[in-house]
Amino acid sequence: MAELRFNVFGRLIAVTPTSAGWTTYMLGTDGKRTAADIVVPAFIKEDEVGQYLADLLHELATPTNNRVVQLSPK
């Protein structure tokens, strides 16, 4: 499984599979990544990660940034 990248209500988030579940990172415009304080449990399947992030982070939505879009892999 490869790293997944999402635009979550205007924030770039990378989600990487691990043996214990998923690890999340906030992606900066300068190419740097920092650990995100977002827990994605191991039982969430790859095709469910985007919806999980949308459900978990829906408070971040604004009228102009109201979608979660998977950026990679497609």
PDB file of N, CA and C in Angstrom:
ATOM      1  N   MET A   1       0.828  -1.174   0.000  1.00  0.00           N
ATOM      2  CA  MET A   1       0.000   0.000   0.000  1.00  0.00           C
ATOM      3  C   MET A   1       0.882   1.250   0.000  1.00  0.00           C
ATOM      4  N   ALA A   2       0.519   2.194  -0.797  1.00  0.00           N
ATOM      5  CA  ALA A   2       1.305   3.418  -0.907  1.00  0.00           C
ATOM      6  C   ALA A   2       0.728   4.515  -0.014  1.00  0.00           C
ATOM      7  N   GLU A   3       1.510   5.555   0.177  1.00  0.00           N
ATOM      8  CA  GLU A   3       1.043   6.721   0.915  1.00  0.00           C
ATOM      9  C   GLU A   3      -0.128   7.340   0.171  1.00  0.00           C
ATOM     10  N   LEU A   4      -1.127   7.777   0.918  1.00  0.00           N
ATOM     11  CA  LEU A   4      -2.272   8.472   0.354  1.00  0.00           C
ATOM     12  C   LEU A   4      -2.149   9.944   0.709  1.00  0.00           C
ATOM     13  N   ARG A   5      -2.539  10.800  -0.223  1.00  0.00           N
ATOM     14  CA  ARG A   5      -2.520  12.240   0.042  1.00  0.00           C
ATOM     15  C   ARG A   5      -3.906  12.804  -0.219  1.00  0.00           C
ATOM     16  N   PHE A   6      -4.308  13.710   0.663  1.00  0.00           N
ATOM     17  CA  PHE A   6      -5.633  14.301   0.588  1.00  0.00           C
ATOM     18  C   PHE A   6      -5.566  15.803   0.786  1.00  0.00           C
ATOM     19  N   ASN A   7      -6.463  16.512   0.122  1.00  0.00           N
ATOM     20  CA  ASN A   7      -6.749  17.898   0.442  1.00  0.00           C
ATOM     21  C   ASN A   7      -7.998  17.829   1.302  1.00  0.00           C
ATOM     22  N   VAL A   8      -7.843  18.081   2.588  1.00  0.00           N
ATOM     23  CA  VAL A   8      -8.936  17.974   3.548  1.00  0.00           C
ATOM     24  C   VAL A   8      -9.353  19.388   3.938  1.00  0.00           C
ATOM     25  N   PHE A   9     -10.404  19.870   3.314  1.00  0.00           N
ATOM     26  CA  PHE A   9     -10.922  21.204   3.604  1.00  0.00           C
ATOM     27  C   PHE A   9      -9.820  22.257   3.519  1.00  0.00           C
ATOM     28  N   GLY A  10      -8.952  22.136   2.507  1.00  0.00           N
ATOM     29  CA  GLY A  10      -7.893  23.112   2.278  1.00  0.00           C
ATOM     30  C   GLY A  10      -6.571  22.806   2.950  1.00  0.00           C
ATOM     31  N   ARG A  11      -6.500  21.713   3.685  1.00  0.00           N
ATOM     32  CA  ARG A  11      -5.247  21.322   4.346  1.00  0.00           C
ATOM     33  C   ARG A  11      -4.716  20.054   3.698  1.00  0.00           C
ATOM     34  N   LEU A  12      -3.430  20.023   3.412  1.00  0.00           N
ATOM     35  CA  LEU A  12      -2.828  18.847   2.780  1.00  0.00           C
ATOM     36  C   LEU A  12      -2.399  17.853   3.848  1.00  0.00           C
ATOM     37  N   ILE A  13      -2.894  16.626   3.725  1.00  0.00           N
ATOM     38  CA  ILE A  13      -2.621  15.578   4.706  1.00  0.00           C
ATOM     39  C   ILE A  13      -2.165  14.325   3.986  1.00  0.00           C
ATOM     40  N   ALA A  14      -1.069  13.749   4.468  1.00  0.00           N
ATOM     41  CA  ALA A  14      -0.573  12.463   3.958  1.00  0.00           C
ATOM     42  C   ALA A  14      -0.913  11.403   4.992  1.00  0.00           C
ATOM     43  N   VAL A  15      -1.322  10.230   4.504  1.00  0.00           N
ATOM     44  CA  VAL A  15      -1.675   9.113   5.368  1.00  0.00           C
ATOM     45  C   VAL A  15      -0.871   7.908   4.904  1.00  0.00           C
ATOM     46  N   THR A  16      -0.064   7.358   5.796  1.00  0.00           N
ATOM     47  CA  THR A  16       0.832   6.261   5.464  1.00  0.00           C
ATOM     48  C   THR A  16       0.435   5.012   6.242  1.00  0.00           C
ATOM     49  N   PRO A  17       0.311   3.871   5.557  1.00  0.00           N
ATOM     50  CA  PRO A  17      -0.017   2.637   6.275  1.00  0.00           C
ATOM     51  C   PRO A  17       1.178   2.137   7.090  1.00  0.00           C
ATOM     52  N   THR A  18       0.882   1.621   8.265  1.00  0.00           N
ATOM     53  CA  THR A  18       1.893   0.994   9.108  1.00  0.00           C
ATOM     54  C   THR A  18       1.323  -0.321   9.629  1.00  0.00           C
ATOM     55  N   SER A  19       2.126  -1.083  10.296  1.00  0.00           N
ATOM     56  CA  SER A  19       1.643  -2.361  10.841  1.00  0.00           C
ATOM     57  C   SER A  19       0.593  -2.147  11.930  1.00  0.00           C
ATOM     58  N   ALA A  20       0.587  -0.964  12.548  1.00  0.00           N
ATOM     59  CA  ALA A  20      -0.360  -0.673  13.625  1.00  0.00           C
ATOM     60  C   ALA A  20      -1.569   0.123  13.153  1.00  0.00           C
ATOM     61  N   GLY A  21      -1.647   0.424  11.880  1.00  0.00           N
ATOM     62  CA  GLY A  21      -2.767   1.214  11.361  1.00  0.00           C
ATOM     63  C   GLY A  21      -2.285   2.239  10.361  1.00  0.00           C
ATOM     64  N   TRP A  22      -2.548   3.504  10.654  1.00  0.00           N
ATOM     65  CA  TRP A  22      -2.186   4.590   9.750  1.00  0.00           C
ATOM     66  C   TRP A  22      -1.469   5.684  10.523  1.00  0.00           C
ATOM     67  N   THR A  23      -0.476   6.303   9.880  1.00  0.00           N
ATOM     68  CA  THR A  23       0.213   7.455  10.441  1.00  0.00           C
ATOM     69  C   THR A  23      -0.124   8.656   9.569  1.00  0.00           C
ATOM     70  N   THR A  24      -0.417   9.788  10.197  1.00  0.00           N
ATOM     71  CA  THR A  24      -0.830  10.971   9.440  1.00  0.00           C
ATOM     72  C   THR A  24       0.185  12.096   9.583  1.00  0.00           C
ATOM     73  N   TYR A  25       0.319  12.873   8.508  1.00  0.00           N
ATOM     74  CA  TYR A  25       1.246  13.999   8.457  1.00  0.00           C
ATOM     75  C   TYR A  25       0.563  15.194   7.817  1.00  0.00           C
ATOM     76  N   MET A  26       0.857  16.369   8.329  1.00  0.00           N
ATOM     77  CA  MET A  26       0.452  17.609   7.677  1.00  0.00           C
ATOM     78  C   MET A  26       1.563  17.967   6.696  1.00  0.00           C
ATOM     79  N   LEU A  27       1.197  18.312   5.475  1.00  0.00           N
ATOM     80  CA  LEU A  27       2.175  18.652   4.447  1.00  0.00           C
ATOM     81  C   LEU A  27       2.218  20.161   4.270  1.00  0.00           C
ATOM     82  N   GLY A  28       3.415  20.713   4.342  1.00  0.00           N
ATOM     83  CA  GLY A  28       3.596  22.148   4.156  1.00  0.00           C
ATOM     84  C   GLY A  28       3.820  22.481   2.693  1.00  0.00           C
ATOM     85  N   THR A  29       3.628  23.729   2.333  1.00  0.00           N
ATOM     86  CA  THR A  29       3.845  24.165   0.958  1.00  0.00           C
ATOM     87  C   THR A  29       5.327  24.146   0.592  1.00  0.00           C
ATOM     88  N   ASP A  30       6.191  24.082   1.602  1.00  0.00           N
ATOM     89  CA  ASP A  30       7.633  24.048   1.363  1.00  0.00           C
ATOM     90  C   ASP A  30       8.156  22.617   1.220  1.00  0.00           C
ATOM     91  N   GLY A  31       7.261  21.632   1.215  1.00  0.00           N
ATOM     92  CA  GLY A  31       7.667  20.240   1.070  1.00  0.00           C
ATOM     93  C   GLY A  31       7.927  19.520   2.377  1.00  0.00           C
ATOM     94  N   LYS A  32       7.866  20.239   3.479  1.00  0.00           N
ATOM     95  CA  LYS A  32       8.108  19.610   4.775  1.00  0.00           C
ATOM     96  C   LYS A  32       6.831  18.947   5.280  1.00  0.00           C
ATOM     97  N   ARG A  33       7.017  17.935   6.111  1.00  0.00           N
ATOM     98  CA  ARG A  33       5.885  17.257   6.729  1.00  0.00           C
ATOM     99  C   ARG A  33       6.095  17.210   8.225  1.00  0.00           C
ATOM    100  N   THR A  34       5.010  17.365   8.938  1.00  0.00           N
ATOM    101  CA  THR A  34       5.041  17.263  10.385  1.00  0.00           C
ATOM    102  C   THR A  34       3.979  16.258  10.812  1.00  0.00           C
ATOM    103  N   ALA A  35       4.257  15.567  11.886  1.00  0.00           N
ATOM    104  CA  ALA A  35       3.302  14.591  12.395  1.00  0.00           C
ATOM    105  C   ALA A  35       1.993  15.300  12.730  1.00  0.00           C
ATOM    106  N   ALA A  36       0.899  14.710  12.293  1.00  0.00           N
ATOM    107  CA  ALA A  36      -0.424  15.267  12.597  1.00  0.00           C
ATOM    108  C   ALA A  36      -1.016  14.516  13.777  1.00  0.00           C
ATOM    109  N   ASP A  37      -1.771  15.203  14.563  1.00  0.00           N
ATOM    110  CA  ASP A  37      -2.418  14.592  15.723  1.00  0.00           C
ATOM    111  C   ASP A  37      -3.789  14.057  15.295  1.00  0.00           C
ATOM    112  N   ILE A  38      -3.766  13.203  14.270  1.00  0.00           N
ATOM    113  CA  ILE A  38      -4.988  12.613  13.729  1.00  0.00           C
ATOM    114  C   ILE A  38      -4.825  11.102  13.803  1.00  0.00           C
ATOM    115  N   VAL A  39      -5.730  10.451  14.500  1.00  0.00           N
ATOM    116  CA  VAL A  39      -5.664   9.001  14.652  1.00  0.00           C
ATOM    117  C   VAL A  39      -6.606   8.356  13.643  1.00  0.00           C
ATOM    118  N   VAL A  40      -6.038   7.510  12.797  1.00  0.00           N
ATOM    119  CA  VAL A  40      -6.836   6.710  11.865  1.00  0.00           C
ATOM    120  C   VAL A  40      -6.619   5.256  12.267  1.00  0.00           C
ATOM    121  N   PRO A  41      -7.651   4.599  12.787  1.00  0.00           N
ATOM    122  CA  PRO A  41      -7.495   3.228  13.287  1.00  0.00           C
ATOM    123  C   PRO A  41      -7.159   2.226  12.185  1.00  0.00           C
ATOM    124  N   ALA A  42      -6.572   1.121  12.595  1.00  0.00           N
ATOM    125  CA  ALA A  42      -6.148   0.075  11.660  1.00  0.00           C
ATOM    126  C   ALA A  42      -7.314  -0.539  10.891  1.00  0.00           C
ATOM    127  N   PHE A  43      -8.513  -0.549  11.473  1.00  0.00           N
ATOM    128  CA  PHE A  43      -9.638  -1.193  10.789  1.00  0.00           C
ATOM    129  C   PHE A  43     -10.200  -0.360   9.628  1.00  0.00           C
ATOM    130  N   ILE A  44      -9.760   0.894   9.485  1.00  0.00           N
ATOM    131  CA  ILE A  44     -10.195   1.721   8.360  1.00  0.00           C
ATOM    132  C   ILE A  44      -9.468   1.247   7.108  1.00  0.00           C
ATOM    133  N   LYS A  45     -10.232   0.895   6.079  1.00  0.00           N
ATOM    134  CA  LYS A  45      -9.650   0.401   4.826  1.00  0.00           C
ATOM    135  C   LYS A  45      -9.177   1.569   3.971  1.00  0.00           C
ATOM    136  N   GLU A  46      -8.283   1.253   3.050  1.00  0.00           N
ATOM    137  CA  GLU A  46      -7.682   2.282   2.202  1.00  0.00           C
ATOM    138  C   GLU A  46      -8.740   3.134   1.500  1.00  0.00           C
ATOM    139  N   ASP A  47      -9.771   2.509   0.975  1.00  0.00           N
ATOM    140  CA  ASP A  47     -10.792   3.268   0.243  1.00  0.00           C
ATOM    141  C   ASP A  47     -11.759   4.015   1.165  1.00  0.00           C
ATOM    142  N   GLU A  48     -11.586   3.890   2.479  1.00  0.00           N
ATOM    143  CA  GLU A  48     -12.437   4.572   3.457  1.00  0.00           C
ATOM    144  C   GLU A  48     -11.727   5.736   4.147  1.00  0.00           C
ATOM    145  N   VAL A  49     -10.432   5.894   3.894  1.00  0.00           N
ATOM    146  CA  VAL A  49      -9.648   6.900   4.622  1.00  0.00           C
ATOM    147  C   VAL A  49     -10.167   8.307   4.358  1.00  0.00           C
ATOM    148  N   GLY A  50     -10.456   8.649   3.122  1.00  0.00           N
ATOM    149  CA  GLY A  50     -10.946   9.995   2.793  1.00  0.00           C
ATOM    150  C   GLY A  50     -12.238  10.326   3.516  1.00  0.00           C
ATOM    151  N   GLN A  51     -13.185   9.407   3.515  1.00  0.00           N
ATOM    152  CA  GLN A  51     -14.453   9.634   4.201  1.00  0.00           C
ATOM    153  C   GLN A  51     -14.245   9.731   5.708  1.00  0.00           C
ATOM    154  N   TYR A  52     -13.340   8.918   6.240  1.00  0.00           N
ATOM    155  CA  TYR A  52     -13.032   8.981   7.672  1.00  0.00           C
ATOM    156  C   TYR A  52     -12.489  10.359   8.035  1.00  0.00           C
ATOM    157  N   LEU A  53     -11.542  10.876   7.233  1.00  0.00           N
ATOM    158  CA  LEU A  53     -10.985  12.202   7.489  1.00  0.00           C
ATOM    159  C   LEU A  53     -12.066  13.275   7.401  1.00  0.00           C
ATOM    160  N   ALA A  54     -12.966  13.148   6.428  1.00  0.00           N
ATOM    161  CA  ALA A  54     -14.060  14.114   6.289  1.00  0.00           C
ATOM    162  C   ALA A  54     -14.949  14.101   7.524  1.00  0.00           C
ATOM    163  N   ASP A  55     -15.297  12.916   7.999  1.00  0.00           N
ATOM    164  CA  ASP A  55     -16.146  12.795   9.180  1.00  0.00           C
ATOM    165  C   ASP A  55     -15.453  13.336  10.429  1.00  0.00           C
ATOM    166  N   LEU A  56     -14.172  13.036  10.566  1.00  0.00           N
ATOM    167  CA  LEU A  56     -13.421  13.428  11.756  1.00  0.00           C
ATOM    168  C   LEU A  56     -13.141  14.930  11.793  1.00  0.00           C
ATOM    169  N   LEU A  57     -12.853  15.514  10.642  1.00  0.00           N
ATOM    170  CA  LEU A  57     -12.390  16.904  10.589  1.00  0.00           C
ATOM    171  C   LEU A  57     -13.417  17.862   9.998  1.00  0.00           C
ATOM    172  N   HIS A  58     -14.678  17.503   9.987  1.00  0.00           N
ATOM    173  CA  HIS A  58     -15.705  18.325   9.343  1.00  0.00           C
ATOM    174  C   HIS A  58     -15.789  19.742   9.916  1.00  0.00           C
ATOM    175  N   GLU A  59     -15.305  19.949  11.142  1.00  0.00           N
ATOM    176  CA  GLU A  59     -15.327  21.293  11.724  1.00  0.00           C
ATOM    177  C   GLU A  59     -14.418  22.264  10.977  1.00  0.00           C
ATOM    178  N   LEU A  60     -13.472  21.741  10.211  1.00  0.00           N
ATOM    179  CA  LEU A  60     -12.546  22.588   9.453  1.00  0.00           C
ATOM    180  C   LEU A  60     -13.142  23.104   8.149  1.00  0.00           C
ATOM    181  N   ALA A  61     -14.284  22.576   7.755  1.00  0.00           N
ATOM    182  CA  ALA A  61     -14.901  22.969   6.495  1.00  0.00           C
ATOM    183  C   ALA A  61     -15.360  24.428   6.550  1.00  0.00           C
ATOM    184  N   THR A  62     -15.210  25.102   5.409  1.00  0.00           N
ATOM    185  CA  THR A  62     -15.681  26.479   5.253  1.00  0.00           C
ATOM    186  C   THR A  62     -16.506  26.527   3.969  1.00  0.00           C
ATOM    187  N   PRO A  63     -17.220  27.612   3.718  1.00  0.00           N
ATOM    188  CA  PRO A  63     -17.982  27.691   2.471  1.00  0.00           C
ATOM    189  C   PRO A  63     -17.113  27.547   1.215  1.00  0.00           C
ATOM    190  N   THR A  64     -15.856  27.973   1.286  1.00  0.00           N
ATOM    191  CA  THR A  64     -14.987  27.866   0.110  1.00  0.00           C
ATOM    192  C   THR A  64     -14.120  26.607   0.117  1.00  0.00           C
ATOM    193  N   ASN A  65     -13.924  25.987   1.259  1.00  0.00           N
ATOM    194  CA  ASN A  65     -13.171  24.730   1.371  1.00  0.00           C
ATOM    195  C   ASN A  65     -14.068  23.708   2.059  1.00  0.00           C
ATOM    196  N   ASN A  66     -14.904  23.064   1.274  1.00  0.00           N
ATOM    197  CA  ASN A  66     -15.911  22.182   1.851  1.00  0.00           C
ATOM    198  C   ASN A  66     -15.840  20.757   1.311  1.00  0.00           C
ATOM    199  N   ARG A  67     -14.657  20.366   0.828  1.00  0.00           N
ATOM    200  CA  ARG A  67     -14.523  19.030   0.240  1.00  0.00           C
ATOM    201  C   ARG A  67     -13.246  18.364   0.720  1.00  0.00           C
ATOM    202  N   VAL A  68     -13.263  17.032   0.665  1.00  0.00           N
ATOM    203  CA  VAL A  68     -12.067  16.224   0.859  1.00  0.00           C
ATOM    204  C   VAL A  68     -11.784  15.557  -0.482  1.00  0.00           C
ATOM    205  N   VAL A  69     -10.596  15.799  -1.013  1.00  0.00           N
ATOM    206  CA  VAL A  69     -10.226  15.270  -2.331  1.00  0.00           C
ATOM    207  C   VAL A  69      -8.957  14.444  -2.197  1.00  0.00           C
ATOM    208  N   GLN A  70      -9.014  13.218  -2.697  1.00  0.00           N
ATOM    209  CA  GLN A  70      -7.800  12.393  -2.693  1.00  0.00           C
ATOM    210  C   GLN A  70      -6.903  12.842  -3.832  1.00  0.00           C
ATOM    211  N   LEU A  71      -5.653  13.145  -3.515  1.00  0.00           N
ATOM    212  CA  LEU A  71      -4.698  13.640  -4.498  1.00  0.00           C
ATOM    213  C   LEU A  71      -3.852  12.529  -5.095  1.00  0.00           C
ATOM    214  N   SER A  72      -3.496  11.529  -4.293  1.00  0.00           N
ATOM    215  CA  SER A  72      -2.703  10.402  -4.789  1.00  0.00           C
ATOM    216  C   SER A  72      -2.825   9.235  -3.846  1.00  0.00           C
ATOM    217  N   PRO A  73      -2.577   8.025  -4.237  1.00  0.00           N
ATOM    218  CA  PRO A  73      -2.610   7.615  -5.641  1.00  0.00           C
ATOM    219  C   PRO A  73      -4.044   7.574  -6.127  1.00  0.00           C
ATOM    220  N   LYS A  74      -4.190   7.647  -7.434  1.00  0.00           N
ATOM    221  CA  LYS A  74      -5.536   7.651  -8.020  1.00  0.00           C
ATOM    222  C   LYS A  74      -5.825   6.329  -8.651  1.00  0.00           C
TER     223      LYS A  74
END
